[in-house]
Amino acid sequence: FDNVWKDFTDLLGMRYGFVLGEGGRDSFRVD
């Protein structure tokens, strides 16, 4: 879970959202 993009989107007044998936450390699925 990493939100470094939130810093970059905030910089330019962009909106930022995220969706968490489920699975293992290397491979996962998202709803």
PDB file of all heavy atoms in Angstrom:
ATOM      1  N   PHE A   1       0.863  -1.189   0.000  1.00  0.00           N
ATOM      2  CA  PHE A   1       0.000   0.000   0.000  1.00  0.00           C
ATOM      3  C   PHE A   1       0.898   1.239   0.000  1.00  0.00           C
ATOM      4  O   PHE A   1       1.542   1.559   0.986  1.00  0.00           O
ATOM      5  CB  PHE A   1      -0.901  -0.026   1.233  1.00  0.00           C
ATOM      6  CG  PHE A   1      -1.936   1.063   1.243  1.00  0.00           C
ATOM      7  CD1 PHE A   1      -2.786   1.267   0.170  1.00  0.00           C
ATOM      8  CD2 PHE A   1      -2.081   1.885   2.357  1.00  0.00           C
ATOM      9  CE1 PHE A   1      -3.761   2.255   0.193  1.00  0.00           C
ATOM     10  CE2 PHE A   1      -3.047   2.875   2.388  1.00  0.00           C
ATOM     11  CZ  PHE A   1      -3.884   3.066   1.304  1.00  0.00           C
ATOM     12  N   ASP A   2       0.929   1.943  -1.137  1.00  0.00           N
ATOM     13  CA  ASP A   2       1.860   3.061  -1.318  1.00  0.00           C
ATOM     14  C   ASP A   2       1.123   4.206  -2.011  1.00  0.00           C
ATOM     15  O   ASP A   2       0.573   4.026  -3.103  1.00  0.00           O
ATOM     16  CB  ASP A   2       3.049   2.613  -2.165  1.00  0.00           C
ATOM     17  CG  ASP A   2       4.147   3.678  -2.242  1.00  0.00           C
ATOM     18  OD1 ASP A   2       4.015   4.713  -1.565  1.00  0.00           O
ATOM     19  OD2 ASP A   2       5.116   3.464  -2.984  1.00  0.00           O
ATOM     20  N   ASN A   3       1.124   5.375  -1.389  1.00  0.00           N
ATOM     21  CA  ASN A   3       0.376   6.515  -1.923  1.00  0.00           C
ATOM     22  C   ASN A   3       1.277   7.689  -2.285  1.00  0.00           C
ATOM     23  O   ASN A   3       0.894   8.853  -2.134  1.00  0.00           O
ATOM     24  CB  ASN A   3      -0.674   6.954  -0.903  1.00  0.00           C
ATOM     25  CG  ASN A   3      -1.748   5.921  -0.711  1.00  0.00           C
ATOM     26  OD1 ASN A   3      -2.628   5.763  -1.543  1.00  0.00           O
ATOM     27  ND2 ASN A   3      -1.674   5.180   0.390  1.00  0.00           N
ATOM     28  N   VAL A   4       2.470   7.380  -2.804  1.00  0.00           N
ATOM     29  CA  VAL A   4       3.373   8.455  -3.212  1.00  0.00           C
ATOM     30  C   VAL A   4       2.738   9.314  -4.301  1.00  0.00           C
ATOM     31  O   VAL A   4       3.018  10.517  -4.416  1.00  0.00           O
ATOM     32  CB  VAL A   4       4.727   7.870  -3.671  1.00  0.00           C
ATOM     33  CG1 VAL A   4       4.574   7.045  -4.938  1.00  0.00           C
ATOM     34  CG2 VAL A   4       5.746   8.989  -3.883  1.00  0.00           C
ATOM     35  N   TRP A   5       1.846   8.721  -5.122  1.00  0.00           N
ATOM     36  CA  TRP A   5       1.188   9.499  -6.165  1.00  0.00           C
ATOM     37  C   TRP A   5       0.286  10.580  -5.597  1.00  0.00           C
ATOM     38  O   TRP A   5      -0.009  11.568  -6.277  1.00  0.00           O
ATOM     39  CB  TRP A   5       0.403   8.584  -7.109  1.00  0.00           C
ATOM     40  CG  TRP A   5       1.279   7.966  -8.151  1.00  0.00           C
ATOM     41  CD1 TRP A   5       1.682   6.674  -8.250  1.00  0.00           C
ATOM     42  CD2 TRP A   5       1.883   8.645  -9.262  1.00  0.00           C
ATOM     43  NE1 TRP A   5       2.506   6.491  -9.334  1.00  0.00           N
ATOM     44  CE2 TRP A   5       2.637   7.691  -9.974  1.00  0.00           C
ATOM     45  CE3 TRP A   5       1.855   9.958  -9.716  1.00  0.00           C
ATOM     46  CZ2 TRP A   5       3.362   8.010 -11.130  1.00  0.00           C
ATOM     47  CZ3 TRP A   5       2.580  10.280 -10.857  1.00  0.00           C
ATOM     48  CH2 TRP A   5       3.314   9.318 -11.548  1.00  0.00           C
ATOM     49  N   LYS A   6      -0.138  10.420  -4.365  1.00  0.00           N
ATOM     50  CA  LYS A   6      -0.961  11.456  -3.735  1.00  0.00           C
ATOM     51  C   LYS A   6      -0.166  12.757  -3.616  1.00  0.00           C
ATOM     52  O   LYS A   6      -0.714  13.859  -3.807  1.00  0.00           O
ATOM     53  CB  LYS A   6      -1.406  10.992  -2.349  1.00  0.00           C
ATOM     54  CG  LYS A   6      -2.243  11.997  -1.558  1.00  0.00           C
ATOM     55  CD  LYS A   6      -3.568  12.295  -2.228  1.00  0.00           C
ATOM     56  CE  LYS A   6      -4.580  12.898  -1.270  1.00  0.00           C
ATOM     57  NZ  LYS A   6      -4.139  14.077  -0.537  1.00  0.00           N
ATOM     58  N   ASP A   7       1.124  12.674  -3.318  1.00  0.00           N
ATOM     59  CA  ASP A   7       1.959  13.875  -3.235  1.00  0.00           C
ATOM     60  C   ASP A   7       2.024  14.581  -4.591  1.00  0.00           C
ATOM     61  O   ASP A   7       1.944  15.814  -4.667  1.00  0.00           O
ATOM     62  CB  ASP A   7       3.377  13.513  -2.780  1.00  0.00           C
ATOM     63  CG  ASP A   7       3.409  12.951  -1.376  1.00  0.00           C
ATOM     64  OD1 ASP A   7       2.443  13.164  -0.620  1.00  0.00           O
ATOM     65  OD2 ASP A   7       4.410  12.287  -1.028  1.00  0.00           O
ATOM     66  N   PHE A   8       2.177  13.802  -5.648  1.00  0.00           N
ATOM     67  CA  PHE A   8       2.302  14.393  -6.982  1.00  0.00           C
ATOM     68  C   PHE A   8       0.975  14.984  -7.467  1.00  0.00           C
ATOM     69  O   PHE A   8       0.957  16.056  -8.074  1.00  0.00           O
ATOM     70  CB  PHE A   8       2.806  13.347  -7.974  1.00  0.00           C
ATOM     71  CG  PHE A   8       4.264  13.036  -7.834  1.00  0.00           C
ATOM     72  CD1 PHE A   8       4.695  11.942  -7.106  1.00  0.00           C
ATOM     73  CD2 PHE A   8       5.219  13.849  -8.433  1.00  0.00           C
ATOM     74  CE1 PHE A   8       6.042  11.661  -6.971  1.00  0.00           C
ATOM     75  CE2 PHE A   8       6.573  13.575  -8.302  1.00  0.00           C
ATOM     76  CZ  PHE A   8       6.989  12.482  -7.567  1.00  0.00           C
ATOM     77  N   THR A   9      -0.136  14.294  -7.219  1.00  0.00           N
ATOM     78  CA  THR A   9      -1.424  14.839  -7.653  1.00  0.00           C
ATOM     79  C   THR A   9      -1.790  16.085  -6.854  1.00  0.00           C
ATOM     80  O   THR A   9      -2.308  17.059  -7.411  1.00  0.00           O
ATOM     81  CB  THR A   9      -2.538  13.782  -7.545  1.00  0.00           C
ATOM     82  OG1 THR A   9      -2.546  13.227  -6.225  1.00  0.00           O
ATOM     83  CG2 THR A   9      -2.314  12.668  -8.558  1.00  0.00           C
ATOM     84  N   ASP A  10      -1.498  16.080  -5.564  1.00  0.00           N
ATOM     85  CA  ASP A  10      -1.743  17.283  -4.759  1.00  0.00           C
ATOM     86  C   ASP A  10      -0.953  18.468  -5.297  1.00  0.00           C
ATOM     87  O   ASP A  10      -1.434  19.607  -5.298  1.00  0.00           O
ATOM     88  CB  ASP A  10      -1.353  17.040  -3.303  1.00  0.00           C
ATOM     89  CG  ASP A  10      -2.357  16.172  -2.552  1.00  0.00           C
ATOM     90  OD1 ASP A  10      -3.426  15.867  -3.122  1.00  0.00           O
ATOM     91  OD2 ASP A  10      -2.062  15.796  -1.403  1.00  0.00           O
ATOM     92  N   LEU A  11       0.267  18.206  -5.747  1.00  0.00           N
ATOM     93  CA  LEU A  11       1.138  19.273  -6.241  1.00  0.00           C
ATOM     94  C   LEU A  11       0.467  20.064  -7.360  1.00  0.00           C
ATOM     95  O   LEU A  11       0.586  21.296  -7.421  1.00  0.00           O
ATOM     96  CB  LEU A  11       2.454  18.672  -6.745  1.00  0.00           C
ATOM     97  CG  LEU A  11       3.480  19.645  -7.351  1.00  0.00           C
ATOM     98  CD1 LEU A  11       4.033  20.568  -6.274  1.00  0.00           C
ATOM     99  CD2 LEU A  11       4.603  18.888  -8.032  1.00  0.00           C
ATOM    100  N   LEU A  12      -0.258  19.381  -8.239  1.00  0.00           N
ATOM    101  CA  LEU A  12      -0.857  20.035  -9.394  1.00  0.00           C
ATOM    102  C   LEU A  12      -2.370  20.212  -9.264  1.00  0.00           C
ATOM    103  O   LEU A  12      -3.049  20.548 -10.233  1.00  0.00           O
ATOM    104  CB  LEU A  12      -0.550  19.239 -10.665  1.00  0.00           C
ATOM    105  CG  LEU A  12       0.922  19.150 -11.049  1.00  0.00           C
ATOM    106  CD1 LEU A  12       1.086  18.376 -12.353  1.00  0.00           C
ATOM    107  CD2 LEU A  12       1.547  20.529 -11.178  1.00  0.00           C
ATOM    108  N   GLY A  13      -2.909  20.002  -8.065  1.00  0.00           N
ATOM    109  CA  GLY A  13      -4.338  20.197  -7.869  1.00  0.00           C
ATOM    110  C   GLY A  13      -5.186  19.132  -8.529  1.00  0.00           C
ATOM    111  O   GLY A  13      -6.355  19.375  -8.873  1.00  0.00           O
ATOM    112  N   MET A  14      -4.644  17.938  -8.727  1.00  0.00           N
ATOM    113  CA  MET A  14      -5.393  16.822  -9.297  1.00  0.00           C
ATOM    114  C   MET A  14      -6.058  16.030  -8.176  1.00  0.00           C
ATOM    115  O   MET A  14      -5.663  16.108  -7.014  1.00  0.00           O
ATOM    116  CB  MET A  14      -4.465  15.893 -10.082  1.00  0.00           C
ATOM    117  CG  MET A  14      -3.803  16.528 -11.286  1.00  0.00           C
ATOM    118  SD  MET A  14      -2.612  15.383 -12.036  1.00  0.00           S
ATOM    119  CE  MET A  14      -2.109  16.308 -13.487  1.00  0.00           C
ATOM    120  N   ARG A  15      -7.060  15.248  -8.520  1.00  0.00           N
ATOM    121  CA  ARG A  15      -7.708  14.358  -7.559  1.00  0.00           C
ATOM    122  C   ARG A  15      -7.033  12.983  -7.592  1.00  0.00           C
ATOM    123  O   ARG A  15      -6.582  12.538  -8.644  1.00  0.00           O
ATOM    124  CB  ARG A  15      -9.196  14.211  -7.890  1.00  0.00           C
ATOM    125  CG  ARG A  15     -10.041  15.444  -7.570  1.00  0.00           C
ATOM    126  CD  ARG A  15     -11.300  15.469  -8.412  1.00  0.00           C
ATOM    127  NE  ARG A  15     -10.974  15.725  -9.815  1.00  0.00           N
ATOM    128  CZ  ARG A  15     -11.823  15.514 -10.811  1.00  0.00           C
ATOM    129  NH1 ARG A  15     -13.020  15.005 -10.571  1.00  0.00           N
ATOM    130  NH2 ARG A  15     -11.465  15.772 -12.058  1.00  0.00           N
ATOM    131  N   TYR A  16      -7.014  12.337  -6.435  1.00  0.00           N
ATOM    132  CA  TYR A  16      -6.349  11.030  -6.312  1.00  0.00           C
ATOM    133  C   TYR A  16      -7.266  10.056  -5.579  1.00  0.00           C
ATOM    134  O   TYR A  16      -7.816  10.378  -4.525  1.00  0.00           O
ATOM    135  CB  TYR A  16      -5.045  11.179  -5.530  1.00  0.00           C
ATOM    136  CG  TYR A  16      -4.387   9.864  -5.166  1.00  0.00           C
ATOM    137  CD1 TYR A  16      -3.582   9.195  -6.073  1.00  0.00           C
ATOM    138  CD2 TYR A  16      -4.596   9.281  -3.914  1.00  0.00           C
ATOM    139  CE1 TYR A  16      -2.982   7.991  -5.742  1.00  0.00           C
ATOM    140  CE2 TYR A  16      -3.998   8.074  -3.575  1.00  0.00           C
ATOM    141  CZ  TYR A  16      -3.195   7.431  -4.494  1.00  0.00           C
ATOM    142  OH  TYR A  16      -2.600   6.236  -4.159  1.00  0.00           O
ATOM    143  N   GLY A  17      -7.422   8.896  -6.169  1.00  0.00           N
ATOM    144  CA  GLY A  17      -8.173   7.840  -5.512  1.00  0.00           C
ATOM    145  C   GLY A  17      -7.439   6.521  -5.617  1.00  0.00           C
ATOM    146  O   GLY A  17      -6.464   6.386  -6.355  1.00  0.00           O
ATOM    147  N   PHE A  18      -7.895   5.522  -4.864  1.00  0.00           N
ATOM    148  CA  PHE A  18      -7.261   4.212  -4.920  1.00  0.00           C
ATOM    149  C   PHE A  18      -8.291   3.120  -4.663  1.00  0.00           C
ATOM    150  O   PHE A  18      -9.362   3.350  -4.090  1.00  0.00           O
ATOM    151  CB  PHE A  18      -6.105   4.100  -3.927  1.00  0.00           C
ATOM    152  CG  PHE A  18      -6.508   4.248  -2.468  1.00  0.00           C
ATOM    153  CD1 PHE A  18      -7.000   3.169  -1.757  1.00  0.00           C
ATOM    154  CD2 PHE A  18      -6.389   5.469  -1.834  1.00  0.00           C
ATOM    155  CE1 PHE A  18      -7.370   3.308  -0.424  1.00  0.00           C
ATOM    156  CE2 PHE A  18      -6.753   5.620  -0.504  1.00  0.00           C
ATOM    157  CZ  PHE A  18      -7.247   4.534   0.207  1.00  0.00           C
ATOM    158  N   VAL A  19      -7.947   1.917  -5.131  1.00  0.00           N
ATOM    159  CA  VAL A  19      -8.731   0.711  -4.893  1.00  0.00           C
ATOM    160  C   VAL A  19      -7.767  -0.377  -4.465  1.00  0.00           C
ATOM    161  O   VAL A  19      -6.761  -0.614  -5.139  1.00  0.00           O
ATOM    162  CB  VAL A  19      -9.492   0.261  -6.161  1.00  0.00           C
ATOM    163  CG1 VAL A  19     -10.354  -0.961  -5.840  1.00  0.00           C
ATOM    164  CG2 VAL A  19     -10.345   1.385  -6.722  1.00  0.00           C
ATOM    165  N   LEU A  20      -8.049  -1.046  -3.358  1.00  0.00           N
ATOM    166  CA  LEU A  20      -7.210  -2.147  -2.886  1.00  0.00           C
ATOM    167  C   LEU A  20      -7.651  -3.461  -3.500  1.00  0.00           C
ATOM    168  O   LEU A  20      -8.849  -3.731  -3.632  1.00  0.00           O
ATOM    169  CB  LEU A  20      -7.298  -2.261  -1.366  1.00  0.00           C
ATOM    170  CG  LEU A  20      -6.222  -1.584  -0.518  1.00  0.00           C
ATOM    171  CD1 LEU A  20      -4.869  -2.225  -0.713  1.00  0.00           C
ATOM    172  CD2 LEU A  20      -6.171  -0.104  -0.767  1.00  0.00           C
ATOM    173  N   GLY A  21      -6.692  -4.276  -3.879  1.00  0.00           N
ATOM    174  CA  GLY A  21      -6.975  -5.619  -4.345  1.00  0.00           C
ATOM    175  C   GLY A  21      -6.789  -6.633  -3.237  1.00  0.00           C
ATOM    176  O   GLY A  21      -6.510  -6.287  -2.085  1.00  0.00           O
ATOM    177  N   GLU A  22      -6.919  -7.904  -3.588  1.00  0.00           N
ATOM    178  CA  GLU A  22      -6.704  -8.989  -2.645  1.00  0.00           C
ATOM    179  C   GLU A  22      -5.846 -10.063  -3.309  1.00  0.00           C
ATOM    180  O   GLU A  22      -5.977 -10.313  -4.511  1.00  0.00           O
ATOM    181  CB  GLU A  22      -8.035  -9.601  -2.191  1.00  0.00           C
ATOM    182  CG  GLU A  22      -8.879  -8.644  -1.361  1.00  0.00           C
ATOM    183  CD  GLU A  22     -10.105  -9.320  -0.791  1.00  0.00           C
ATOM    184  OE1 GLU A  22     -10.682 -10.189  -1.487  1.00  0.00           O
ATOM    185  OE2 GLU A  22     -10.495  -8.980   0.339  1.00  0.00           O
ATOM    186  N   GLY A  23      -4.954 -10.664  -2.529  1.00  0.00           N
ATOM    187  CA  GLY A  23      -4.099 -11.697  -3.089  1.00  0.00           C
ATOM    188  C   GLY A  23      -2.776 -11.775  -2.369  1.00  0.00           C
ATOM    189  O   GLY A  23      -2.642 -11.364  -1.209  1.00  0.00           O
ATOM    190  N   GLY A  24      -1.764 -12.269  -3.094  1.00  0.00           N
ATOM    191  CA  GLY A  24      -0.455 -12.485  -2.499  1.00  0.00           C
ATOM    192  C   GLY A  24       0.473 -11.293  -2.659  1.00  0.00           C
ATOM    193  O   GLY A  24       0.064 -10.216  -3.077  1.00  0.00           O
ATOM    194  N   ARG A  25       1.742 -11.501  -2.367  1.00  0.00           N
ATOM    195  CA  ARG A  25       2.719 -10.414  -2.394  1.00  0.00           C
ATOM    196  C   ARG A  25       3.140 -10.042  -3.814  1.00  0.00           C
ATOM    197  O   ARG A  25       3.544  -8.907  -4.052  1.00  0.00           O
ATOM    198  CB  ARG A  25       3.956 -10.806  -1.572  1.00  0.00           C
ATOM    199  CG  ARG A  25       3.647 -10.980  -0.096  1.00  0.00           C
ATOM    200  CD  ARG A  25       4.879 -11.378   0.698  1.00  0.00           C
ATOM    201  NE  ARG A  25       4.567 -11.573   2.104  1.00  0.00           N
ATOM    202  CZ  ARG A  25       4.550 -10.619   3.025  1.00  0.00           C
ATOM    203  NH1 ARG A  25       4.835  -9.376   2.665  1.00  0.00           N
ATOM    204  NH2 ARG A  25       4.259 -10.885   4.277  1.00  0.00           N
ATOM    205  N   ASP A  26       3.071 -10.972  -4.742  1.00  0.00           N
ATOM    206  CA  ASP A  26       3.505 -10.688  -6.106  1.00  0.00           C
ATOM    207  C   ASP A  26       2.362 -10.619  -7.112  1.00  0.00           C
ATOM    208  O   ASP A  26       2.518 -10.052  -8.196  1.00  0.00           O
ATOM    209  CB  ASP A  26       4.506 -11.760  -6.577  1.00  0.00           C
ATOM    210  CG  ASP A  26       5.787 -11.754  -5.767  1.00  0.00           C
ATOM    211  OD1 ASP A  26       6.158 -10.670  -5.273  1.00  0.00           O
ATOM    212  OD2 ASP A  26       6.396 -12.828  -5.629  1.00  0.00           O
ATOM    213  N   SER A  27       1.231 -11.201  -6.788  1.00  0.00           N
ATOM    214  CA  SER A  27       0.125 -11.298  -7.726  1.00  0.00           C
ATOM    215  C   SER A  27      -1.188 -11.113  -6.970  1.00  0.00           C
ATOM    216  O   SER A  27      -1.350 -11.639  -5.858  1.00  0.00           O
ATOM    217  CB  SER A  27       0.161 -12.670  -8.418  1.00  0.00           C
ATOM    218  OG  SER A  27      -0.866 -12.783  -9.376  1.00  0.00           O
ATOM    219  N   PHE A  28      -2.118 -10.380  -7.549  1.00  0.00           N
ATOM    220  CA  PHE A  28      -3.369 -10.091  -6.844  1.00  0.00           C
ATOM    221  C   PHE A  28      -4.481  -9.832  -7.850  1.00  0.00           C
ATOM    222  O   PHE A  28      -4.255  -9.711  -9.051  1.00  0.00           O
ATOM    223  CB  PHE A  28      -3.183  -8.889  -5.913  1.00  0.00           C
ATOM    224  CG  PHE A  28      -3.032  -7.566  -6.623  1.00  0.00           C
ATOM    225  CD1 PHE A  28      -4.078  -6.646  -6.650  1.00  0.00           C
ATOM    226  CD2 PHE A  28      -1.847  -7.220  -7.273  1.00  0.00           C
ATOM    227  CE1 PHE A  28      -3.956  -5.426  -7.306  1.00  0.00           C
ATOM    228  CE2 PHE A  28      -1.715  -6.007  -7.931  1.00  0.00           C
ATOM    229  CZ  PHE A  28      -2.765  -5.105  -7.946  1.00  0.00           C
ATOM    230  N   ARG A  29      -5.706  -9.732  -7.348  1.00  0.00           N
ATOM    231  CA  ARG A  29      -6.882  -9.412  -8.150  1.00  0.00           C
ATOM    232  C   ARG A  29      -7.582  -8.213  -7.526  1.00  0.00           C
ATOM    233  O   ARG A  29      -7.450  -7.960  -6.336  1.00  0.00           O
ATOM    234  CB  ARG A  29      -7.855 -10.598  -8.208  1.00  0.00           C
ATOM    235  CG  ARG A  29      -7.271 -11.844  -8.842  1.00  0.00           C
ATOM    236  CD  ARG A  29      -8.285 -12.978  -8.843  1.00  0.00           C
ATOM    237  NE  ARG A  29      -9.434 -12.684  -9.704  1.00  0.00           N
ATOM    238  CZ  ARG A  29      -9.464 -12.914 -11.006  1.00  0.00           C
ATOM    239  NH1 ARG A  29      -8.391 -13.428 -11.619  1.00  0.00           N
ATOM    240  NH2 ARG A  29     -10.535 -12.648 -11.714  1.00  0.00           N
ATOM    241  N   VAL A  30      -8.325  -7.500  -8.371  1.00  0.00           N
ATOM    242  CA  VAL A  30      -9.097  -6.367  -7.877  1.00  0.00           C
ATOM    243  C   VAL A  30     -10.555  -6.590  -8.243  1.00  0.00           C
ATOM    244  O   VAL A  30     -10.871  -7.198  -9.286  1.00  0.00           O
ATOM    245  CB  VAL A  30      -8.578  -5.042  -8.480  1.00  0.00           C
ATOM    246  CG1 VAL A  30      -8.873  -4.946  -9.974  1.00  0.00           C
ATOM    247  CG2 VAL A  30      -9.153  -3.840  -7.745  1.00  0.00           C
ATOM    248  N   ASP A  31     -11.436  -6.144  -7.381  1.00  0.00           N
ATOM    249  CA  ASP A  31     -12.870  -6.218  -7.652  1.00  0.00           C
ATOM    250  C   ASP A  31     -13.208  -5.152  -8.694  1.00  0.00           C
ATOM    251  O   ASP A  31     -13.096  -3.956  -8.419  1.00  0.00           O
ATOM    252  CB  ASP A  31     -13.643  -5.988  -6.356  1.00  0.00           C
ATOM    253  CG  ASP A  31     -15.134  -6.249  -6.509  1.00  0.00           C
ATOM    254  OD1 ASP A  31     -15.687  -5.934  -7.587  1.00  0.00           O
ATOM    255  OD2 ASP A  31     -15.749  -6.739  -5.550  1.00  0.00           O
TER     256      ASP A  31
END
